[in-house]
Every structure is written in C-alpha cells, then in structure tokens.
Amino acid sequence: MSPPLLIPARPWLHCLPPRPLTPPALAFPLPQPPPQPSLPPPAMPPPPMPPRPPPPPLPLLPPPAPSPPPPLPPPPDRPPPLSPPSSAPGTTLIHSPPPLSPSPPPPPQPSPPPPSPLPRPPPPPRSPPSAPPPPPSPPLSPSPPPLPPPPSPSPSPSPPPPSPPKSPPRPLYDVRTVTGHTDSVISVAFGGHASLLASAGNFDDTVMLWDPKTEEVQRRLKANHMMTLSVALSADGLTLASAGFDKAVKLWDTGDGKLLKTLKGHQDVVKAVAFRPDGLMVASGSYDATVRLWDIESGLAAATLRHLYPVKALAFDPHSHHLASADDANIKLWDYTTGSRERILRGHTFPVTSLAFAPNDRLASASEDQTVRVWNTQIGSEVFKLTGHLGLVWAVAFTPDGGRLASGGYDNTIKIWDMHHGTLMRTLEGHTREVLCLAFNYDAHLLASGSRDHTVRVWDVAPPASPHPPPPSRP
C-alpha cells in the first residue's frame, strides 16, 4: 500500500499553535456510513374525546358546555448534529463527506377546537284545538199518509191447476247378465212379439233360448255345426235358424227343441242367416260368395245371388222386397222376388261386418274401418257417417220404429245413436271384452248384447216420450 500523499506545509503555518499529534489520516479514507440522526421520541396520542351526552329531554335545559381539553405539550428539540472528524495538522482531506444538515422539526399540531354545544331541538307543534261537534241534524219531515187502497178488481175465473211435473227420463242400466255359454257369444236374436231370446256360443256349439226377464233357460240345443256362427228367429218366434262351419242351415222348433230341416247346398262356411219378414223364407250368406234363398216348406233353394267375395252379413227390409248383402267393403241391394241386383252402396274402406234395416228405407252398416254408415236405399246415398268407436265395429241394430240405432265393437262399448240428427245419445259400458252382436226386442225397451266375455247382457233402453215423431213408414 503506498503512503498517503502529504502536502508540504506553508511557512505561515509555523506561527499556529501546535496541535496534539494524531495518527495521520489516509489520503483516501475508507467510506464510512453517515451518522444516523437520533429520532425524537414518539409524540403522545391526544387524550380521547369525552362521549357525547344524549340529547336532554324537552322540558329540561341543556347541560353547560364541557371545558376544552388542555393543549398538547410542544415536541422536544432535536439534539445538535455530530461534528465531523478533524484531520491531522498540516494535512487536508481530499474526499471529505459533507456535514449532514439537521432535519427540520415537525410543525406543532394544532389543538382541536372545543366541541360546540348541541342545538336545542325545536318544540313540537301544538295540535289545533278540536272542532266543536256538528249541530244535530233537523228531524225528518213526517212521511206522507198512505194512499187509499185501489178498488178491488172484478172477480175473474180461477186459473187452471198447474200441470204435474214431468218425470225425469229413465236412465239406461244393465237389467241382467245372462251366463251359461263357455265361449264367445257370437249371435243373439229376439223372437218377434214372443218373450224369447236366442244366443249362440261360438266354440261351445250350443244355442240357448232364454226368457230375458227371468234369466230362465227354456231350451239348450246342441247345434252340431262344429262352430255356430249365426242364429235367427222368425217373426212369430216359433222357428229358429242356425248356421256354422258345417256348411248347412238348420231349422229348429223352439217349442220342443226338435230339428225340423237341414238345408244343404253351400260349398263353404255359412256366416249369416236371416228370416224374411213373413217367415216363409230364410236367407243364408256363405264364404262361397253366394246368398241362397230357401223355401221353408220344401227346404229347397229358391234363388242363388252371386258375389265376388265371401258374404259376411245380410238383412231383409221389413217393409219392402229388398235384401241387402255385404261382401268385402261393398253392399249390394237385391230384389229378392226377381233375384235382380238393383244397386251397390260404396263408401266403406274395409269389410262390412253387420247390416240392419229400418222401416223408412234406411240401412245401417258396420265395418272394420271403425265407422257406422246409414244409407238411403231409395236413392243409394249416404245419410250419416257415425264415428266414435275406438276400434272395429262388429254389430248394428235398429229399433223397430227406426228412431234409434245401436252399435257395438272392439272397444267393449255399445253406443246409442239418434237417427233424427245422427248424434250420439249415450254409451253403455259393462262388457269386459268386444261386443260381437246386438238385437232389440219388438217394443224397443230391451237391448240384448253378446260379447267375447262369454255373457249376454240385457239393457233397459226404454226412452222417455220423444219430442220427435217416429219416422213415417212407407205404405
């Protein structure tokens, strides 16, 4: 390390008094941290403000104002700054740190002004004096005197007595449930004015004759058709016709249950039979696409009406010489006295399952297209298209006067229709399976229905007096 650089003393410096010897200072002294000034002691926090007194009640005077707090003491002075170190005599430091200037003291904090007294709230407004009660109302003027009674009118004849109230309409209800068949009831028929009901079981191959009012079985016939498909009763109720899988039509005496005749000639299953209104002829429709008209006395076929498809339904017009038969979706009208076809009724989109005539040239047809159609047979036009069944419609039946029509089908219900307006009157529910056949008795008070649930139900459907007259019958 090189010796420090010394500056030679000047001659005038020898007149100065000698100084004590101090170690020579370095020409380039090491840097030293500047001295830290001493911090003043922390100032005392001001005393807490006294709590503000609550507002005095109105009648009392406010309390005197509180005395102001004492002023804070002034902050102490800072100590004098330290003197810088002196150098050796005859030498001068080249790099000497400048002396630190003392920091100015903080300004004194002014004392807070004394709190001003709270203003006195204004007195509450005084309520105005209550108004004096109103003077009593003057008494009402007296009511005028009553007028003299009017002169009594001249005596008049006493009014007629009121007419008795009309009795409510009789409700439709299930009269009886006839049981005895062990399979589906495929066909039912009433016997003219006789109190006789015939029913045919499908696979049990039996025909039963009932009294519908007492449920008494009068006859049980073993038909021997292998499967009975249709039964019909003559207008006098003395003769029963049955048909089935054996391709034959059988005639029975309803009095003793004996077989009268067996009519043979069809080449396939016989699906439908019907008596002519006079009871002298019976018609049969077969899957061999023919309708045969049989003379009951001789047991021979009087006429054969040919179709293109299997015949599934037929019916006689009770007041004319018309016979209706259905193959597939078409209905053919025949003059059974001559065997000639008069017209074809088209409108159904699926096979026709049942036919029924009314006495006013009306024909009803049920179809697998879920509709019932009513036709005018004189001009061959459609009168009503009845919808409402939720499935195939298997059977239709007219009342003897033609004012109402019953239909039954796959939805287990029977619907009664008003033929004056083509509207639904009501729905009969009771069967638990499909309704396959229907028939009205001679006075339209009873309706018989056969079902796949193996039962025959007899319904009381006698209506109240209708405001509409019955349709006129043709002479």
Protein backbone atom coordinates (compact mmCIF):
# COMPACT_ATOMS: atom_id res chain seq x y z
CA MET A 1 0.00 0.00 0.00
CA SER A 2 1.53 3.40 -0.97
CA PRO A 3 1.99 6.06 1.72
CA PRO A 4 -0.54 8.78 1.89
CA LEU A 5 0.03 11.85 -0.15
CA LEU A 6 1.10 14.71 2.10
CA ILE A 7 1.00 18.31 1.14
CA PRO A 8 4.07 20.30 2.44
CA ALA A 9 3.22 22.87 4.98
CA ARG A 10 3.39 26.51 4.23
CA PRO A 11 5.80 28.77 6.19
CA TRP A 12 3.00 30.83 7.67
CA LEU A 13 1.62 27.78 9.28
CA HIS A 14 4.51 27.68 11.83
CA CYS A 15 3.02 30.58 13.68
CA LEU A 16 -0.02 28.50 14.62
CA PRO A 17 -0.02 26.82 17.98
CA PRO A 18 0.94 23.20 17.94
CA ARG A 19 -1.78 20.58 17.96
CA PRO A 20 -1.68 17.26 19.59
CA LEU A 21 -0.32 14.54 17.47
CA THR A 22 -2.92 12.37 15.86
CA PRO A 23 -2.35 9.48 13.60
CA PRO A 24 -2.13 10.61 10.07
CA ALA A 25 -5.26 10.35 8.11
CA LEU A 26 -5.37 8.38 4.96
CA ALA A 27 -5.31 10.30 1.77
CA PHE A 28 -8.15 8.11 0.61
CA PRO A 29 -10.06 7.18 3.73
CA LEU A 30 -12.46 4.28 3.69
CA PRO A 31 -16.02 5.28 3.24
CA GLN A 32 -17.94 5.35 6.43
CA PRO A 33 -21.65 5.20 6.85
CA PRO A 34 -23.14 8.55 7.58
CA PRO A 35 -24.15 9.04 11.16
CA GLN A 36 -27.83 8.37 11.78
CA PRO A 37 -29.61 11.25 13.40
CA SER A 38 -31.41 10.39 16.54
CA LEU A 39 -35.21 10.22 16.18
CA PRO A 40 -37.33 12.25 18.51
CA PRO A 41 -39.43 10.32 21.00
CA PRO A 42 -42.91 9.47 19.77
CA ALA A 43 -45.49 12.04 20.48
CA MET A 44 -48.11 11.24 23.00
CA PRO A 45 -51.55 10.50 21.49
CA PRO A 46 -54.15 13.08 22.25
CA PRO A 47 -56.46 12.22 25.08
CA PRO A 48 -59.74 10.56 24.00
CA MET A 49 -62.70 12.74 23.37
CA PRO A 50 -65.32 12.61 26.07
CA PRO A 51 -68.52 10.81 24.99
CA ARG A 52 -71.25 12.97 23.59
CA PRO A 53 -74.06 13.24 26.11
CA PRO A 54 -77.52 12.14 24.97
CA PRO A 55 -79.97 14.81 23.97
CA PRO A 56 -81.72 16.20 27.02
CA PRO A 57 -85.47 15.86 27.36
CA LEU A 58 -87.55 18.68 26.08
CA PRO A 59 -88.68 20.23 29.34
CA LEU A 60 -85.09 20.35 30.81
CA LEU A 61 -82.46 22.90 29.92
CA PRO A 62 -79.35 21.72 28.08
CA PRO A 63 -76.30 20.99 30.28
CA PRO A 64 -73.36 23.51 30.27
CA ALA A 65 -70.78 23.14 27.59
CA PRO A 66 -67.79 20.94 28.62
CA SER A 67 -64.42 22.61 29.29
CA PRO A 68 -61.90 22.39 26.44
CA PRO A 69 -59.12 19.76 26.86
CA PRO A 70 -55.62 21.02 27.87
CA PRO A 71 -53.28 21.88 24.97
CA LEU A 72 -50.66 19.31 23.95
CA PRO A 73 -47.03 19.97 25.07
CA PRO A 74 -44.63 21.15 22.34
CA PRO A 75 -42.37 18.47 20.90
CA PRO A 76 -38.82 18.33 22.34
CA ASP A 77 -35.93 19.85 20.39
CA ARG A 78 -33.66 17.62 18.39
CA PRO A 79 -30.04 17.15 19.64
CA PRO A 80 -27.28 19.09 17.80
CA PRO A 81 -25.66 17.26 14.91
CA LEU A 82 -22.39 15.48 15.39
CA SER A 83 -19.17 17.40 14.35
CA PRO A 84 -17.17 15.83 11.53
CA PRO A 85 -13.83 14.21 12.43
CA SER A 86 -10.81 16.57 12.21
CA SER A 87 -7.75 15.77 10.16
CA ALA A 88 -4.09 15.86 11.17
CA PRO A 89 -2.26 19.19 11.27
CA GLY A 90 -0.66 20.19 8.07
CA THR A 91 -2.88 17.84 6.04
CA THR A 92 -6.19 18.29 4.25
CA LEU A 93 -8.58 15.50 3.24
CA ILE A 94 -9.25 15.46 -0.44
CA HIS A 95 -12.54 13.50 -0.14
CA SER A 96 -14.27 14.58 2.95
CA PRO A 97 -18.01 13.85 3.42
CA PRO A 98 -20.08 16.98 3.72
CA PRO A 99 -21.72 17.58 7.05
CA LEU A 100 -25.33 16.50 7.37
CA SER A 101 -27.87 19.24 7.68
CA PRO A 102 -30.27 18.74 10.54
CA SER A 103 -33.85 17.81 9.51
CA PRO A 104 -36.40 20.50 10.26
CA PRO A 105 -38.56 19.79 13.26
CA PRO A 106 -42.17 18.77 12.55
CA PRO A 107 -44.67 21.58 12.80
CA PRO A 108 -46.63 21.63 16.00
CA GLN A 109 -50.09 20.04 15.70
CA PRO A 110 -52.89 22.49 16.42
CA SER A 111 -55.18 21.53 19.23
CA PRO A 112 -58.71 20.55 18.22
CA PRO A 113 -61.34 23.20 18.81
CA PRO A 114 -63.69 22.62 21.67
CA PRO A 115 -66.96 20.90 20.65
CA SER A 116 -69.80 23.24 20.09
CA PRO A 117 -72.88 22.75 22.20
CA LEU A 118 -75.71 20.72 20.60
CA PRO A 119 -78.54 22.81 19.17
CA ARG A 120 -81.75 22.60 21.04
CA PRO A 121 -84.47 20.82 19.06
CA PRO A 122 -87.49 22.93 18.26
CA PRO A 123 -90.53 22.33 20.40
CA PRO A 124 -93.18 20.00 18.92
CA PRO A 125 -96.04 21.75 17.15
CA ARG A 126 -99.09 22.14 19.17
CA SER A 127 -102.20 20.34 17.97
CA PRO A 128 -105.02 22.67 16.98
CA PRO A 129 -107.98 22.71 19.24
CA SER A 130 -110.60 20.13 18.45
CA ALA A 131 -113.50 21.36 16.39
CA PRO A 132 -116.80 21.56 18.14
CA PRO A 133 -119.24 18.72 17.36
CA PRO A 134 -121.60 19.44 14.47
CA PRO A 135 -125.03 20.55 15.39
CA PRO A 136 -127.69 17.83 15.37
CA SER A 137 -129.48 17.37 12.08
CA PRO A 138 -133.03 18.59 11.99
CA PRO A 139 -135.67 15.87 12.31
CA LEU A 140 -137.00 14.40 9.12
CA SER A 141 -140.32 15.51 7.91
CA PRO A 142 -143.07 13.02 8.64
CA SER A 143 -143.90 10.54 5.84
CA PRO A 144 -146.97 11.33 3.82
CA PRO A 145 -150.09 9.47 4.76
CA PRO A 146 -150.64 6.17 2.89
CA LEU A 147 -152.75 6.26 -0.20
CA PRO A 148 -156.16 4.70 -0.05
CA PRO A 149 -156.26 1.10 -1.37
CA PRO A 150 -157.23 0.75 -5.02
CA PRO A 151 -160.66 -0.56 -5.77
CA SER A 152 -160.81 -4.35 -5.92
CA PRO A 153 -160.92 -5.69 -9.49
CA SER A 154 -163.84 -7.52 -10.79
CA PRO A 155 -163.82 -11.21 -9.95
CA SER A 156 -162.04 -13.32 -12.62
CA PRO A 157 -162.21 -17.05 -13.19
CA SER A 158 -159.63 -19.08 -11.19
CA PRO A 159 -156.52 -20.14 -13.15
CA PRO A 160 -156.28 -23.76 -14.25
CA PRO A 161 -154.37 -26.09 -11.91
CA PRO A 162 -150.67 -26.46 -12.74
CA SER A 163 -149.71 -29.49 -14.79
CA PRO A 164 -147.88 -32.21 -12.88
CA PRO A 165 -144.09 -32.10 -13.22
CA LYS A 166 -142.62 -34.25 -15.93
CA SER A 167 -140.92 -37.38 -14.71
CA PRO A 168 -137.16 -37.47 -15.37
CA PRO A 169 -136.01 -39.69 -18.19
CA ARG A 170 -135.36 -43.27 -17.24
CA PRO A 171 -131.66 -43.98 -17.02
CA LEU A 172 -130.09 -46.70 -19.07
CA TYR A 173 -128.93 -49.56 -16.91
CA ASP A 174 -127.96 -53.17 -17.16
CA VAL A 175 -131.02 -55.26 -16.32
CA ARG A 176 -129.49 -58.72 -16.28
CA THR A 177 -126.33 -60.53 -17.14
CA VAL A 178 -127.10 -63.95 -18.56
CA THR A 179 -124.37 -66.56 -18.21
CA GLY A 180 -124.25 -70.13 -19.44
CA HIS A 181 -122.04 -70.11 -22.51
CA THR A 182 -118.48 -71.32 -22.20
CA ASP A 183 -117.20 -69.37 -25.18
CA SER A 184 -117.81 -66.13 -27.08
CA VAL A 185 -121.44 -65.24 -27.73
CA ILE A 186 -121.35 -64.75 -31.49
CA SER A 187 -125.05 -64.06 -32.24
CA VAL A 188 -128.28 -63.00 -30.46
CA ALA A 189 -131.88 -62.65 -31.71
CA PHE A 190 -135.30 -61.72 -30.30
CA GLY A 191 -138.36 -63.67 -31.41
CA GLY A 192 -140.92 -61.17 -32.65
CA HIS A 193 -143.60 -60.43 -30.07
CA ALA A 194 -142.67 -63.51 -28.05
CA SER A 195 -140.67 -63.08 -24.88
CA LEU A 196 -137.84 -65.21 -26.23
CA LEU A 197 -134.15 -64.55 -26.67
CA ALA A 198 -131.79 -66.84 -28.59
CA SER A 199 -128.00 -66.80 -28.20
CA ALA A 200 -125.29 -68.83 -29.92
CA GLY A 201 -121.92 -69.74 -28.48
CA ASN A 202 -119.03 -69.91 -30.87
CA PHE A 203 -116.80 -72.85 -29.98
CA ASP A 204 -119.19 -74.40 -27.43
CA ASP A 205 -121.53 -75.05 -30.45
CA THR A 206 -124.71 -74.55 -28.42
CA VAL A 207 -127.84 -72.47 -28.93
CA MET A 208 -129.73 -71.33 -25.83
CA LEU A 209 -133.29 -69.99 -25.61
CA TRP A 210 -133.89 -67.61 -22.69
CA ASP A 211 -136.66 -65.72 -21.01
CA PRO A 212 -134.91 -62.31 -20.82
CA LYS A 213 -136.97 -61.17 -17.82
CA THR A 214 -136.34 -64.15 -15.56
CA GLU A 215 -133.00 -65.43 -16.92
CA GLU A 216 -134.60 -68.86 -17.15
CA VAL A 217 -133.15 -71.18 -19.78
CA GLN A 218 -136.06 -72.66 -21.73
CA ARG A 219 -134.06 -74.73 -24.23
CA ARG A 220 -130.45 -75.71 -24.72
CA LEU A 221 -129.80 -77.02 -28.23
CA LYS A 222 -126.69 -78.82 -29.39
CA ALA A 223 -126.36 -77.37 -32.89
CA ASN A 224 -123.64 -79.73 -34.19
CA HIS A 225 -122.22 -77.14 -36.57
CA MET A 226 -118.68 -77.74 -35.28
CA MET A 227 -118.79 -73.97 -34.65
CA THR A 228 -122.02 -71.98 -34.61
CA LEU A 229 -121.71 -68.57 -36.28
CA SER A 230 -125.26 -67.17 -36.59
CA VAL A 231 -128.86 -67.62 -35.30
CA ALA A 232 -132.18 -66.01 -36.30
CA LEU A 233 -135.78 -66.24 -35.03
CA SER A 234 -138.89 -65.97 -37.16
CA ALA A 235 -141.36 -63.11 -36.55
CA ASP A 236 -143.69 -65.39 -34.58
CA GLY A 237 -140.84 -66.87 -32.57
CA LEU A 238 -141.76 -70.46 -33.47
CA THR A 239 -138.81 -71.29 -35.74
CA LEU A 240 -135.09 -70.92 -35.14
CA ALA A 241 -132.44 -71.00 -37.87
CA SER A 242 -128.75 -71.68 -37.11
CA ALA A 243 -125.67 -71.88 -39.33
CA GLY A 244 -121.98 -72.57 -38.93
CA PHE A 245 -118.87 -74.41 -40.04
CA ASP A 246 -120.63 -77.48 -41.38
CA LYS A 247 -121.86 -75.50 -44.49
CA ALA A 248 -125.51 -76.19 -43.54
CA VAL A 249 -128.51 -74.23 -42.28
CA LYS A 250 -130.65 -75.94 -39.63
CA LEU A 251 -134.26 -75.15 -38.72
CA TRP A 252 -135.48 -75.84 -35.15
CA ASP A 253 -138.83 -75.87 -33.40
CA THR A 254 -138.48 -73.52 -30.44
CA GLY A 255 -141.39 -75.20 -28.61
CA ASP A 256 -139.90 -78.67 -28.19
CA GLY A 257 -136.35 -78.08 -29.46
CA LYS A 258 -136.58 -80.60 -32.29
CA LEU A 259 -134.63 -80.29 -35.53
CA LEU A 260 -137.07 -79.61 -38.40
CA LYS A 261 -134.86 -79.42 -41.50
CA THR A 262 -131.26 -79.25 -42.60
CA LEU A 263 -130.68 -77.08 -45.67
CA LYS A 264 -127.61 -78.06 -47.67
CA GLY A 265 -126.15 -76.55 -50.79
CA HIS A 266 -123.36 -74.16 -49.78
CA GLN A 267 -119.77 -75.08 -50.57
CA ASP A 268 -118.17 -73.23 -47.65
CA VAL A 269 -118.81 -71.88 -44.16
CA VAL A 270 -122.21 -70.21 -43.66
CA LYS A 271 -121.60 -66.93 -41.86
CA ALA A 272 -125.07 -65.25 -41.71
CA VAL A 273 -128.78 -66.22 -41.70
CA ALA A 274 -131.95 -64.07 -41.67
CA PHE A 275 -135.71 -64.68 -41.89
CA ARG A 276 -137.90 -62.87 -44.38
CA PRO A 277 -140.48 -60.68 -42.53
CA ASP A 278 -143.34 -63.04 -43.45
CA GLY A 279 -141.44 -66.05 -42.09
CA LEU A 280 -141.82 -68.13 -45.30
CA MET A 281 -138.22 -67.84 -46.47
CA VAL A 282 -134.77 -67.83 -44.91
CA ALA A 283 -131.62 -66.39 -46.50
CA SER A 284 -128.05 -67.57 -45.86
CA GLY A 285 -124.73 -65.94 -46.77
CA SER A 286 -121.60 -68.04 -47.18
CA TYR A 287 -117.90 -67.80 -47.70
CA ASP A 288 -118.51 -69.40 -51.09
CA ALA A 289 -119.54 -65.89 -52.27
CA THR A 290 -123.24 -66.69 -52.63
CA VAL A 291 -126.53 -65.86 -50.95
CA ARG A 292 -129.17 -68.58 -51.08
CA LEU A 293 -132.89 -68.07 -50.52
CA TRP A 294 -134.52 -71.19 -49.01
CA ASP A 295 -138.18 -72.10 -49.06
CA ILE A 296 -139.00 -73.32 -45.57
CA GLU A 297 -141.83 -75.65 -46.63
CA SER A 298 -139.88 -77.54 -49.26
CA GLY A 299 -136.37 -76.99 -47.93
CA LEU A 300 -135.11 -76.15 -51.43
CA ALA A 301 -133.09 -73.14 -52.63
CA ALA A 302 -135.43 -70.78 -54.45
CA ALA A 303 -132.69 -68.44 -55.68
CA THR A 304 -128.93 -68.00 -55.58
CA LEU A 305 -127.39 -64.50 -55.55
CA ARG A 306 -123.73 -64.44 -56.54
CA HIS A 307 -120.95 -62.20 -55.20
CA LEU A 308 -117.26 -61.76 -55.88
CA TYR A 309 -116.10 -62.18 -52.26
CA PRO A 310 -117.25 -64.09 -49.16
CA VAL A 311 -120.57 -62.87 -47.80
CA LYS A 312 -120.34 -61.89 -44.12
CA ALA A 313 -123.63 -60.05 -43.47
CA LEU A 314 -127.19 -59.83 -44.80
CA ALA A 315 -130.57 -58.35 -43.80
CA PHE A 316 -134.16 -58.15 -45.06
CA ASP A 317 -136.07 -54.88 -45.37
CA PRO A 318 -139.20 -55.41 -43.22
CA HIS A 319 -141.37 -53.16 -45.41
CA SER A 320 -140.18 -53.84 -48.95
CA HIS A 321 -138.84 -56.55 -51.21
CA HIS A 322 -135.20 -55.57 -50.67
CA LEU A 323 -132.43 -57.81 -49.42
CA ALA A 324 -129.00 -56.35 -48.53
CA SER A 325 -125.82 -58.42 -48.51
CA ALA A 326 -122.20 -57.40 -47.97
CA ASP A 327 -119.05 -58.87 -49.47
CA ASP A 328 -115.82 -57.11 -48.60
CA ALA A 329 -116.44 -53.30 -48.39
CA ASN A 330 -119.40 -53.14 -50.80
CA ILE A 331 -123.10 -53.54 -50.05
CA LYS A 332 -125.46 -54.92 -52.70
CA LEU A 333 -129.20 -54.31 -52.78
CA TRP A 334 -131.31 -57.10 -54.32
CA ASP A 335 -134.94 -57.55 -55.28
CA TYR A 336 -135.44 -60.97 -53.75
CA THR A 337 -138.68 -61.54 -55.67
CA THR A 338 -136.84 -61.46 -59.00
CA GLY A 339 -133.27 -62.13 -57.92
CA SER A 340 -132.00 -58.99 -59.66
CA ARG A 341 -129.44 -56.59 -58.23
CA GLU A 342 -130.63 -53.00 -58.00
CA ARG A 343 -127.59 -51.03 -56.80
CA ILE A 344 -124.26 -51.16 -54.98
CA LEU A 345 -123.51 -48.91 -51.97
CA ARG A 346 -119.86 -47.89 -51.78
CA GLY A 347 -118.21 -45.87 -49.02
CA HIS A 348 -116.58 -48.20 -46.51
CA THR A 349 -112.86 -48.75 -46.81
CA PHE A 350 -112.71 -52.12 -45.01
CA PRO A 351 -115.01 -55.18 -44.95
CA VAL A 352 -118.58 -54.74 -43.73
CA THR A 353 -119.38 -56.86 -40.66
CA SER A 354 -123.11 -56.25 -39.96
CA LEU A 355 -126.27 -54.88 -41.62
CA ALA A 356 -129.65 -53.71 -40.23
CA PHE A 357 -132.77 -52.26 -41.89
CA ALA A 358 -135.14 -49.58 -40.56
CA PRO A 359 -138.78 -49.24 -41.69
CA ASN A 360 -138.17 -45.92 -43.51
CA ASP A 361 -135.84 -47.07 -46.30
CA ARG A 362 -132.78 -46.70 -44.10
CA LEU A 363 -129.96 -49.24 -43.96
CA ALA A 364 -127.16 -49.22 -41.36
CA SER A 365 -123.81 -50.90 -41.92
CA ALA A 366 -120.94 -51.61 -39.52
CA SER A 367 -117.40 -52.02 -40.77
CA GLU A 368 -113.88 -52.83 -39.78
CA ASP A 369 -112.99 -49.23 -40.72
CA GLN A 370 -114.36 -48.19 -37.26
CA THR A 371 -117.39 -46.39 -38.72
CA VAL A 372 -121.15 -46.89 -38.94
CA ARG A 373 -122.87 -45.59 -42.05
CA VAL A 374 -126.57 -45.01 -42.63
CA TRP A 375 -127.84 -45.20 -46.22
CA ASN A 376 -130.98 -44.16 -48.08
CA THR A 377 -131.84 -47.29 -50.06
CA GLN A 378 -134.21 -45.48 -52.43
CA ILE A 379 -131.53 -43.28 -53.99
CA GLY A 380 -128.42 -45.13 -52.78
CA SER A 381 -126.86 -42.16 -50.93
CA GLU A 382 -125.18 -41.92 -47.57
CA VAL A 383 -127.24 -40.15 -44.88
CA PHE A 384 -124.97 -40.32 -41.81
CA LYS A 385 -121.42 -41.37 -41.10
CA LEU A 386 -121.17 -42.16 -37.38
CA THR A 387 -117.76 -42.22 -35.72
CA GLY A 388 -116.88 -42.72 -32.08
CA HIS A 389 -115.83 -46.35 -31.61
CA LEU A 390 -112.17 -46.92 -30.81
CA GLY A 391 -111.79 -49.99 -32.97
CA LEU A 392 -113.62 -52.34 -35.30
CA VAL A 393 -117.42 -52.16 -35.23
CA TRP A 394 -118.91 -55.66 -35.18
CA ALA A 395 -122.69 -55.14 -34.88
CA VAL A 396 -125.58 -52.73 -35.54
CA ALA A 397 -129.29 -52.96 -34.71
CA PHE A 398 -132.26 -50.64 -35.35
CA THR A 399 -135.25 -50.15 -33.07
CA PRO A 400 -138.49 -51.31 -34.77
CA ASP A 401 -139.55 -47.68 -35.40
CA GLY A 402 -136.15 -46.72 -36.82
CA GLY A 403 -135.67 -43.81 -34.39
CA ARG A 404 -132.55 -45.19 -32.70
CA LEU A 405 -129.57 -47.26 -33.73
CA ALA A 406 -127.26 -49.34 -31.51
CA SER A 407 -123.69 -50.23 -32.43
CA GLY A 408 -121.10 -52.33 -30.64
CA GLY A 409 -117.49 -53.09 -31.28
CA TYR A 410 -113.95 -53.79 -30.30
CA ASP A 411 -113.82 -51.12 -27.57
CA ASN A 412 -116.23 -53.15 -25.33
CA THR A 413 -118.94 -50.47 -25.53
CA ILE A 414 -122.41 -50.05 -27.01
CA LYS A 415 -123.40 -46.67 -28.44
CA ILE A 416 -127.00 -45.48 -28.92
CA TRP A 417 -127.47 -43.03 -31.81
CA ASP A 418 -130.35 -40.63 -32.56
CA MET A 419 -131.44 -41.20 -36.14
CA HIS A 420 -133.23 -37.86 -36.40
CA HIS A 421 -130.00 -35.92 -36.14
CA GLY A 422 -127.27 -38.55 -36.44
CA THR A 423 -125.91 -37.75 -32.95
CA LEU A 424 -124.72 -39.93 -30.11
CA MET A 425 -127.26 -40.24 -27.28
CA ARG A 426 -125.25 -42.26 -24.76
CA THR A 427 -122.73 -45.07 -24.32
CA LEU A 428 -123.34 -48.33 -22.44
CA GLU A 429 -120.40 -49.87 -20.63
CA GLY A 430 -120.36 -53.23 -18.88
CA HIS A 431 -118.81 -55.85 -21.11
CA THR A 432 -115.18 -56.65 -20.42
CA ARG A 433 -114.38 -57.73 -23.98
CA GLU A 434 -115.55 -56.99 -27.53
CA VAL A 435 -119.25 -56.68 -28.27
CA LEU A 436 -119.98 -59.06 -31.16
CA CYS A 437 -123.79 -58.92 -31.66
CA LEU A 438 -126.86 -56.80 -30.84
CA ALA A 439 -130.66 -57.15 -31.05
CA PHE A 440 -133.70 -55.05 -29.97
CA ASN A 441 -136.95 -56.64 -28.84
CA TYR A 442 -140.29 -55.82 -30.52
CA ASP A 443 -141.12 -52.71 -28.41
CA ALA A 444 -137.53 -51.36 -28.25
CA HIS A 445 -137.48 -51.49 -24.45
CA LEU A 446 -134.81 -54.19 -24.24
CA LEU A 447 -131.47 -54.45 -25.98
CA ALA A 448 -129.52 -57.72 -25.92
CA SER A 449 -125.76 -57.80 -26.48
CA GLY A 450 -123.38 -60.75 -26.82
CA SER A 451 -119.68 -60.48 -26.12
CA ARG A 452 -116.42 -62.31 -26.21
CA ASP A 453 -116.55 -62.30 -22.38
CA HIS A 454 -118.99 -65.31 -22.65
CA THR A 455 -122.00 -63.30 -21.40
CA VAL A 456 -125.29 -61.92 -22.71
CA ARG A 457 -126.40 -58.62 -21.24
CA VAL A 458 -129.96 -57.28 -21.43
CA TRP A 459 -130.24 -53.49 -21.16
CA ASP A 460 -133.33 -51.44 -20.35
CA VAL A 461 -133.32 -48.76 -23.04
CA ALA A 462 -136.94 -47.58 -22.91
CA PRO A 463 -136.67 -43.84 -23.73
CA PRO A 464 -138.89 -41.04 -22.40
CA ALA A 465 -141.52 -39.54 -24.66
CA SER A 466 -139.57 -38.09 -27.58
CA PRO A 467 -140.48 -34.65 -28.96
CA HIS A 468 -139.79 -36.04 -32.43
CA PRO A 469 -142.48 -38.17 -34.05
CA PRO A 470 -141.33 -41.53 -35.36
CA PRO A 471 -140.23 -41.62 -38.99
CA PRO A 472 -143.18 -42.26 -41.29
CA SER A 473 -143.36 -45.79 -42.59
CA ARG A 474 -143.86 -46.37 -46.25
CA PRO A 475 -147.24 -47.91 -47.19
